[in-house]
Amino acid sequence: GHCKKLAPEYEKAAQELSKHDPPIVLAKVDANDDKNKP
């Protein structure tokens, strides 16, 4: 639930920070996916 609340704020921040010089990159990883658990 907290991830869902963060998602739109994180996306808004990423759009704003992509305009920064130099750009600041925000990324995400689905850590619940078996592939990404390591």
All heavy atoms as atom14 arrays in JSON, in Angstrom:
{
  "sequence": "GHCKKLAPEYEKAAQELSKHDPPIVLAKVDANDDKNKP",
  "atom14_mask": [
    [1, 1, 1, 1, 0, 0, 0, 0, 0, 0, 0, 0, 0, 0],
    [1, 1, 1, 1, 1, 1, 1, 1, 1, 1, 0, 0, 0, 0],
    [1, 1, 1, 1, 1, 1, 0, 0, 0, 0, 0, 0, 0, 0],
    [1, 1, 1, 1, 1, 1, 1, 1, 1, 0, 0, 0, 0, 0],
    [1, 1, 1, 1, 1, 1, 1, 1, 1, 0, 0, 0, 0, 0],
    [1, 1, 1, 1, 1, 1, 1, 1, 0, 0, 0, 0, 0, 0],
    [1, 1, 1, 1, 1, 0, 0, 0, 0, 0, 0, 0, 0, 0],
    [1, 1, 1, 1, 1, 1, 1, 0, 0, 0, 0, 0, 0, 0],
    [1, 1, 1, 1, 1, 1, 1, 1, 1, 0, 0, 0, 0, 0],
    [1, 1, 1, 1, 1, 1, 1, 1, 1, 1, 1, 1, 0, 0],
    [1, 1, 1, 1, 1, 1, 1, 1, 1, 0, 0, 0, 0, 0],
    [1, 1, 1, 1, 1, 1, 1, 1, 1, 0, 0, 0, 0, 0],
    [1, 1, 1, 1, 1, 0, 0, 0, 0, 0, 0, 0, 0, 0],
    [1, 1, 1, 1, 1, 0, 0, 0, 0, 0, 0, 0, 0, 0],
    [1, 1, 1, 1, 1, 1, 1, 1, 1, 0, 0, 0, 0, 0],
    [1, 1, 1, 1, 1, 1, 1, 1, 1, 0, 0, 0, 0, 0],
    [1, 1, 1, 1, 1, 1, 1, 1, 0, 0, 0, 0, 0, 0],
    [1, 1, 1, 1, 1, 1, 0, 0, 0, 0, 0, 0, 0, 0],
    [1, 1, 1, 1, 1, 1, 1, 1, 1, 0, 0, 0, 0, 0],
    [1, 1, 1, 1, 1, 1, 1, 1, 1, 1, 0, 0, 0, 0],
    [1, 1, 1, 1, 1, 1, 1, 1, 0, 0, 0, 0, 0, 0],
    [1, 1, 1, 1, 1, 1, 1, 0, 0, 0, 0, 0, 0, 0],
    [1, 1, 1, 1, 1, 1, 1, 0, 0, 0, 0, 0, 0, 0],
    [1, 1, 1, 1, 1, 1, 1, 1, 0, 0, 0, 0, 0, 0],
    [1, 1, 1, 1, 1, 1, 1, 0, 0, 0, 0, 0, 0, 0],
    [1, 1, 1, 1, 1, 1, 1, 1, 0, 0, 0, 0, 0, 0],
    [1, 1, 1, 1, 1, 0, 0, 0, 0, 0, 0, 0, 0, 0],
    [1, 1, 1, 1, 1, 1, 1, 1, 1, 0, 0, 0, 0, 0],
    [1, 1, 1, 1, 1, 1, 1, 0, 0, 0, 0, 0, 0, 0],
    [1, 1, 1, 1, 1, 1, 1, 1, 0, 0, 0, 0, 0, 0],
    [1, 1, 1, 1, 1, 0, 0, 0, 0, 0, 0, 0, 0, 0],
    [1, 1, 1, 1, 1, 1, 1, 1, 0, 0, 0, 0, 0, 0],
    [1, 1, 1, 1, 1, 1, 1, 1, 0, 0, 0, 0, 0, 0],
    [1, 1, 1, 1, 1, 1, 1, 1, 0, 0, 0, 0, 0, 0],
    [1, 1, 1, 1, 1, 1, 1, 1, 1, 0, 0, 0, 0, 0],
    [1, 1, 1, 1, 1, 1, 1, 1, 0, 0, 0, 0, 0, 0],
    [1, 1, 1, 1, 1, 1, 1, 1, 1, 0, 0, 0, 0, 0],
    [1, 1, 1, 1, 1, 1, 1, 0, 0, 0, 0, 0, 0, 0]
  ],
  "atom14_positions": [
    [[0.8, -1.22, 0.0], [0.0, 0.0, 0.0], [0.83, 1.27, 0.0], [0.51, 2.24, -0.7], [0.0, 0.0, 0.0], [0.0, 0.0, 0.0], [0.0, 0.0, 0.0], [0.0, 0.0, 0.0], [0.0, 0.0, 0.0], [0.0, 0.0, 0.0], [0.0, 0.0, 0.0], [0.0, 0.0, 0.0], [0.0, 0.0, 0.0], [0.0, 0.0, 0.0]],
    [[1.92, 1.29, 0.77], [2.77, 2.48, 0.82], [3.47, 2.71, -0.53], [3.72, 3.86, -0.91], [3.79, 2.34, 1.95], [3.18, 2.33, 3.3], [2.5, 3.4, 3.84], [3.1, 1.35, 4.25], [2.05, 3.09, 5.03], [2.4, 1.85, 5.31], [0.0, 0.0, 0.0], [0.0, 0.0, 0.0], [0.0, 0.0, 0.0], [0.0, 0.0, 0.0]],
    [[3.78, 1.62, -1.23], [4.38, 1.75, -2.56], [3.39, 2.39, -3.53], [3.76, 3.24, -4.37], [4.82, 0.38, -3.1], [5.98, -0.51, -2.04], [0.0, 0.0, 0.0], [0.0, 0.0, 0.0], [0.0, 0.0, 0.0], [0.0, 0.0, 0.0], [0.0, 0.0, 0.0], [0.0, 0.0, 0.0], [0.0, 0.0, 0.0], [0.0, 0.0, 0.0]],
    [[2.13, 1.98, -3.42], [1.1, 2.55, -4.3], [0.91, 4.04, -4.03], [0.68, 4.83, -4.95], [-0.22, 1.8, -4.09], [-0.18, 0.35, -4.56], [-1.47, -0.38, -4.22], [-1.4, -1.84, -4.65], [-2.63, -2.59, -4.26], [0.0, 0.0, 0.0], [0.0, 0.0, 0.0], [0.0, 0.0, 0.0], [0.0, 0.0, 0.0], [0.0, 0.0, 0.0]],
    [[1.0, 4.43, -2.75], [0.88, 5.85, -2.41], [2.06, 6.65, -2.93], [1.93, 7.8, -3.35], [0.77, 6.02, -0.9], [-0.52, 5.51, -0.3], [-0.54, 5.67, 1.21], [-1.82, 5.13, 1.82], [-1.83, 5.26, 3.3], [0.0, 0.0, 0.0], [0.0, 0.0, 0.0], [0.0, 0.0, 0.0], [0.0, 0.0, 0.0], [0.0, 0.0, 0.0]],
    [[3.24, 6.04, -2.9], [4.44, 6.73, -3.34], [4.5, 6.88, -4.86], [5.06, 7.86, -5.37], [5.68, 5.96, -2.85], [7.05, 6.47, -3.32], [7.3, 7.9, -2.8], [8.16, 5.53, -2.83], [0.0, 0.0, 0.0], [0.0, 0.0, 0.0], [0.0, 0.0, 0.0], [0.0, 0.0, 0.0], [0.0, 0.0, 0.0], [0.0, 0.0, 0.0]],
    [[3.93, 5.94, -5.6], [4.11, 5.86, -7.05], [3.86, 7.17, -7.8], [4.72, 7.62, -8.57], [3.26, 4.73, -7.63], [0.0, 0.0, 0.0], [0.0, 0.0, 0.0], [0.0, 0.0, 0.0], [0.0, 0.0, 0.0], [0.0, 0.0, 0.0], [0.0, 0.0, 0.0], [0.0, 0.0, 0.0], [0.0, 0.0, 0.0], [0.0, 0.0, 0.0]],
    [[2.69, 7.84, -7.64], [2.47, 9.08, -8.4], [3.42, 10.21, -7.99], [3.81, 11.03, -8.82], [1.02, 9.43, -8.1], [0.7, 8.73, -6.82], [1.51, 7.47, -6.85], [0.0, 0.0, 0.0], [0.0, 0.0, 0.0], [0.0, 0.0, 0.0], [0.0, 0.0, 0.0], [0.0, 0.0, 0.0], [0.0, 0.0, 0.0], [0.0, 0.0, 0.0]],
    [[3.8, 10.25, -6.71], [4.74, 11.28, -6.25], [6.13, 11.03, -6.82], [6.83, 11.96, -7.22], [4.78, 11.29, -4.71], [3.46, 11.61, -4.05], [2.96, 13.01, -4.4], [3.79, 13.95, -4.36], [1.77, 13.16, -4.71], [0.0, 0.0, 0.0], [0.0, 0.0, 0.0], [0.0, 0.0, 0.0], [0.0, 0.0, 0.0], [0.0, 0.0, 0.0]],
    [[6.51, 9.78, -6.84], [7.82, 9.39, -7.38], [7.9, 9.71, -8.87], [8.91, 10.22, -9.36], [8.01, 7.9, -7.13], [9.43, 7.39, -7.23], [10.45, 7.9, -6.44], [9.75, 6.35, -8.11], [11.74, 7.41, -6.51], [11.04, 5.84, -8.2], [12.04, 6.38, -7.39], [13.31, 5.88, -7.47], [0.0, 0.0, 0.0], [0.0, 0.0, 0.0]],
    [[6.81, 9.46, -9.58], [6.76, 9.76, -11.02], [6.82, 11.27, -11.26], [7.56, 11.74, -12.15], [5.5, 9.16, -11.64], [5.28, 9.53, -13.1], [6.37, 9.01, -14.03], [7.01, 7.99, -13.71], [6.58, 9.64, -15.09], [0.0, 0.0, 0.0], [0.0, 0.0, 0.0], [0.0, 0.0, 0.0], [0.0, 0.0, 0.0], [0.0, 0.0, 0.0]],
    [[6.08, 12.04, -10.48], [6.12, 13.5, -10.62], [7.53, 14.02, -10.37], [8.04, 14.89, -11.11], [5.15, 14.16, -9.64], [3.7, 14.18, -10.09], [2.83, 14.88, -9.06], [3.19, 16.34, -8.92], [2.33, 17.05, -7.93], [0.0, 0.0, 0.0], [0.0, 0.0, 0.0], [0.0, 0.0, 0.0], [0.0, 0.0, 0.0], [0.0, 0.0, 0.0]],
    [[8.17, 13.52, -9.34], [9.54, 13.93, -9.02], [10.49, 13.56, -10.15], [11.37, 14.34, -10.52], [9.99, 13.3, -7.71], [0.0, 0.0, 0.0], [0.0, 0.0, 0.0], [0.0, 0.0, 0.0], [0.0, 0.0, 0.0], [0.0, 0.0, 0.0], [0.0, 0.0, 0.0], [0.0, 0.0, 0.0], [0.0, 0.0, 0.0], [0.0, 0.0, 0.0]],
    [[10.31, 12.36, -10.71], [11.18, 11.91, -11.79], [11.06, 12.82, -13.01], [12.06, 13.15, -13.67], [10.84, 10.48, -12.18], [0.0, 0.0, 0.0], [0.0, 0.0, 0.0], [0.0, 0.0, 0.0], [0.0, 0.0, 0.0], [0.0, 0.0, 0.0], [0.0, 0.0, 0.0], [0.0, 0.0, 0.0], [0.0, 0.0, 0.0], [0.0, 0.0, 0.0]],
    [[9.84, 13.24, -13.32], [9.65, 14.14, -14.46], [10.34, 15.48, -14.21], [10.97, 16.05, -15.12], [8.16, 14.33, -14.71], [7.48, 13.06, -15.2], [6.16, 13.33, -15.89], [5.89, 14.44, -16.34], [5.33, 12.31, -15.99], [0.0, 0.0, 0.0], [0.0, 0.0, 0.0], [0.0, 0.0, 0.0], [0.0, 0.0, 0.0], [0.0, 0.0, 0.0]],
    [[10.21, 15.99, -13.0], [10.84, 17.27, -12.68], [12.36, 17.15, -12.68], [13.07, 18.01, -13.22], [10.35, 17.75, -11.31], [10.94, 19.07, -10.84], [10.53, 20.25, -11.7], [9.44, 20.18, -12.33], [11.29, 21.24, -11.77], [0.0, 0.0, 0.0], [0.0, 0.0, 0.0], [0.0, 0.0, 0.0], [0.0, 0.0, 0.0], [0.0, 0.0, 0.0]],
    [[12.89, 16.08, -12.11], [14.33, 15.91, -12.0], [14.99, 15.55, -13.33], [16.19, 15.72, -13.49], [14.65, 14.83, -10.96], [14.32, 15.23, -9.51], [14.41, 14.03, -8.58], [15.25, 16.33, -9.02], [0.0, 0.0, 0.0], [0.0, 0.0, 0.0], [0.0, 0.0, 0.0], [0.0, 0.0, 0.0], [0.0, 0.0, 0.0], [0.0, 0.0, 0.0]],
    [[14.2, 15.07, -14.28], [14.76, 14.79, -15.61], [15.16, 16.07, -16.33], [15.98, 16.05, -17.26], [13.74, 14.02, -16.46], [12.62, 14.83, -16.77], [0.0, 0.0, 0.0], [0.0, 0.0, 0.0], [0.0, 0.0, 0.0], [0.0, 0.0, 0.0], [0.0, 0.0, 0.0], [0.0, 0.0, 0.0], [0.0, 0.0, 0.0], [0.0, 0.0, 0.0]],
    [[14.63, 17.21, -15.87], [14.96, 18.52, -16.46], [16.16, 19.16, -15.79], [16.65, 20.2, -16.24], [13.75, 19.47, -16.34], [12.46, 18.91, -16.92], [11.28, 19.79, -16.53], [9.96, 19.16, -16.91], [8.8, 19.96, -16.42], [0.0, 0.0, 0.0], [0.0, 0.0, 0.0], [0.0, 0.0, 0.0], [0.0, 0.0, 0.0], [0.0, 0.0, 0.0]],
    [[16.62, 18.55, -14.69], [17.74, 19.12, -13.95], [19.02, 18.96, -14.75], [19.17, 18.04, -15.55], [17.87, 18.42, -12.6], [18.87, 19.04, -11.68], [20.18, 18.66, -11.63], [18.73, 20.04, -10.77], [20.83, 19.37, -10.72], [19.96, 20.22, -10.18], [0.0, 0.0, 0.0], [0.0, 0.0, 0.0], [0.0, 0.0, 0.0], [0.0, 0.0, 0.0]],
    [[19.97, 19.86, -14.55], [21.27, 19.78, -15.22], [22.36, 19.53, -14.18], [22.68, 20.41, -13.39], [21.56, 21.08, -15.98], [22.83, 20.99, -16.82], [23.28, 19.84, -17.08], [23.36, 22.05, -17.21], [0.0, 0.0, 0.0], [0.0, 0.0, 0.0], [0.0, 0.0, 0.0], [0.0, 0.0, 0.0], [0.0, 0.0, 0.0], [0.0, 0.0, 0.0]],
    [[22.93, 18.32, -14.13], [22.61, 17.16, -14.97], [21.32, 16.48, -14.51], [20.92, 16.65, -13.36], [23.82, 16.25, -14.76], [24.24, 16.54, -13.36], [24.02, 18.01, -13.17], [0.0, 0.0, 0.0], [0.0, 0.0, 0.0], [0.0, 0.0, 0.0], [0.0, 0.0, 0.0], [0.0, 0.0, 0.0], [0.0, 0.0, 0.0], [0.0, 0.0, 0.0]],
    [[20.69, 15.68, -15.39], [19.46, 15.0, -15.0], [19.69, 14.06, -13.8], [20.75, 13.45, -13.68], [19.08, 14.2, -16.25], [19.79, 14.89, -17.37], [21.06, 15.41, -16.78], [0.0, 0.0, 0.0], [0.0, 0.0, 0.0], [0.0, 0.0, 0.0], [0.0, 0.0, 0.0], [0.0, 0.0, 0.0], [0.0, 0.0, 0.0], [0.0, 0.0, 0.0]],
    [[18.69, 14.0, -12.94], [18.74, 13.07, -11.82], [17.78, 11.93, -12.14], [16.58, 12.16, -12.37], [18.34, 13.76, -10.5], [19.33, 14.88, -10.19], [18.28, 12.76, -9.35], [18.96, 15.7, -8.96], [0.0, 0.0, 0.0], [0.0, 0.0, 0.0], [0.0, 0.0, 0.0], [0.0, 0.0, 0.0], [0.0, 0.0, 0.0], [0.0, 0.0, 0.0]],
    [[18.29, 10.72, -12.18], [17.52, 9.57, -12.65], [16.86, 8.85, -11.47], [17.52, 8.52, -10.49], [18.43, 8.58, -13.42], [17.64, 7.36, -13.86], [19.07, 9.29, -14.62], [0.0, 0.0, 0.0], [0.0, 0.0, 0.0], [0.0, 0.0, 0.0], [0.0, 0.0, 0.0], [0.0, 0.0, 0.0], [0.0, 0.0, 0.0], [0.0, 0.0, 0.0]],
    [[15.56, 8.61, -11.59], [14.83, 7.8, -10.63], [14.42, 6.49, -11.32], [13.99, 6.5, -12.47], [13.57, 8.51, -10.13], [13.73, 9.89, -9.48], [12.43, 10.31, -8.8], [14.86, 9.9, -8.48], [0.0, 0.0, 0.0], [0.0, 0.0, 0.0], [0.0, 0.0, 0.0], [0.0, 0.0, 0.0], [0.0, 0.0, 0.0], [0.0, 0.0, 0.0]],
    [[14.57, 5.39, -10.62], [14.25, 4.08, -11.17], [13.51, 3.25, -10.15], [13.41, 3.61, -8.97], [15.54, 3.37, -11.61], [0.0, 0.0, 0.0], [0.0, 0.0, 0.0], [0.0, 0.0, 0.0], [0.0, 0.0, 0.0], [0.0, 0.0, 0.0], [0.0, 0.0, 0.0], [0.0, 0.0, 0.0], [0.0, 0.0, 0.0], [0.0, 0.0, 0.0]],
    [[12.98, 2.1, -10.59], [12.25, 1.22, -9.68], [12.51, -0.23, -10.06], [12.77, -0.57, -11.21], [10.75, 1.52, -9.72], [10.11, 1.3, -11.09], [8.63, 1.67, -11.08], [8.01, 1.45, -12.45], [6.58, 1.85, -12.49], [0.0, 0.0, 0.0], [0.0, 0.0, 0.0], [0.0, 0.0, 0.0], [0.0, 0.0, 0.0], [0.0, 0.0, 0.0]],
    [[12.43, -1.09, -9.03], [12.61, -2.53, -9.21], [11.5, -3.24, -8.45], [11.28, -2.96, -7.27], [13.98, -3.0, -8.68], [14.06, -4.53, -8.69], [15.11, -2.42, -9.5], [0.0, 0.0, 0.0], [0.0, 0.0, 0.0], [0.0, 0.0, 0.0], [0.0, 0.0, 0.0], [0.0, 0.0, 0.0], [0.0, 0.0, 0.0], [0.0, 0.0, 0.0]],
    [[10.8, -4.15, -9.13], [9.8, -4.97, -8.46], [10.54, -6.07, -7.69], [10.88, -7.11, -8.23], [8.84, -5.58, -9.49], [7.79, -6.49, -8.85], [7.85, -6.67, -7.62], [6.92, -7.01, -9.58], [0.0, 0.0, 0.0], [0.0, 0.0, 0.0], [0.0, 0.0, 0.0], [0.0, 0.0, 0.0], [0.0, 0.0, 0.0], [0.0, 0.0, 0.0]],
    [[10.78, -5.82, -6.42], [11.56, -6.75, -5.6], [10.76, -7.96, -5.17], [11.3, -8.89, -4.57], [12.12, -6.02, -4.37], [0.0, 0.0, 0.0], [0.0, 0.0, 0.0], [0.0, 0.0, 0.0], [0.0, 0.0, 0.0], [0.0, 0.0, 0.0], [0.0, 0.0, 0.0], [0.0, 0.0, 0.0], [0.0, 0.0, 0.0], [0.0, 0.0, 0.0]],
    [[9.45, -7.96, -5.48], [8.62, -9.12, -5.17], [8.68, -10.17, -6.27], [8.3, -11.33, -6.06], [7.17, -8.67, -4.96], [6.32, -9.74, -4.33], [6.59, -10.18, -3.22], [5.27, -10.17, -5.03], [0.0, 0.0, 0.0], [0.0, 0.0, 0.0], [0.0, 0.0, 0.0], [0.0, 0.0, 0.0], [0.0, 0.0, 0.0], [0.0, 0.0, 0.0]],
    [[9.17, -9.76, -7.44], [9.34, -10.69, -8.56], [10.45, -11.67, -8.23], [11.53, -11.28, -7.8], [9.68, -9.88, -9.82], [9.66, -10.73, -11.09], [10.06, -11.91, -11.02], [9.28, -10.2, -12.14], [0.0, 0.0, 0.0], [0.0, 0.0, 0.0], [0.0, 0.0, 0.0], [0.0, 0.0, 0.0], [0.0, 0.0, 0.0], [0.0, 0.0, 0.0]],
    [[10.2, -12.97, -8.42], [11.21, -13.98, -8.1], [12.54, -13.7, -8.78], [13.61, -13.92, -8.19], [10.71, -15.37, -8.52], [9.6, -15.88, -7.62], [9.47, -15.35, -6.5], [8.87, -16.8, -8.04], [0.0, 0.0, 0.0], [0.0, 0.0, 0.0], [0.0, 0.0, 0.0], [0.0, 0.0, 0.0], [0.0, 0.0, 0.0], [0.0, 0.0, 0.0]],
    [[12.47, -13.18, -9.97], [13.69, -12.87, -10.74], [14.55, -11.83, -10.04], [15.79, -11.85, -10.13], [13.28, -12.38, -12.13], [14.41, -11.91, -13.01], [13.85, -11.43, -14.34], [14.95, -10.94, -15.27], [14.41, -10.47, -16.57], [0.0, 0.0, 0.0], [0.0, 0.0, 0.0], [0.0, 0.0, 0.0], [0.0, 0.0, 0.0], [0.0, 0.0, 0.0]],
    [[13.88, -10.92, -9.3], [14.6, -9.8, -8.69], [14.87, -9.98, -7.19], [15.51, -9.12, -6.58], [13.81, -8.5, -8.9], [13.65, -8.16, -10.36], [14.55, -8.4, -11.16], [12.5, -7.62, -10.73], [0.0, 0.0, 0.0], [0.0, 0.0, 0.0], [0.0, 0.0, 0.0], [0.0, 0.0, 0.0], [0.0, 0.0, 0.0], [0.0, 0.0, 0.0]],
    [[14.39, -11.06, -6.61], [14.59, -11.26, -5.16], [16.06, -11.28, -4.75], [16.41, -10.79, -3.68], [13.86, -12.52, -4.7], [12.35, -12.3, -4.61], [11.6, -13.52, -4.09], [10.12, -13.22, -3.97], [9.35, -14.39, -3.5], [0.0, 0.0, 0.0], [0.0, 0.0, 0.0], [0.0, 0.0, 0.0], [0.0, 0.0, 0.0], [0.0, 0.0, 0.0]],
    [[16.97, -11.83, -5.6], [18.39, -11.74, -5.24], [18.88, -10.3, -5.11], [19.79, -10.02, -4.33], [19.09, -12.48, -6.39], [18.07, -13.45, -6.9], [16.76, -12.71, -6.78], [0.0, 0.0, 0.0], [0.0, 0.0, 0.0], [0.0, 0.0, 0.0], [0.0, 0.0, 0.0], [0.0, 0.0, 0.0], [0.0, 0.0, 0.0], [0.0, 0.0, 0.0]]
  ]
}
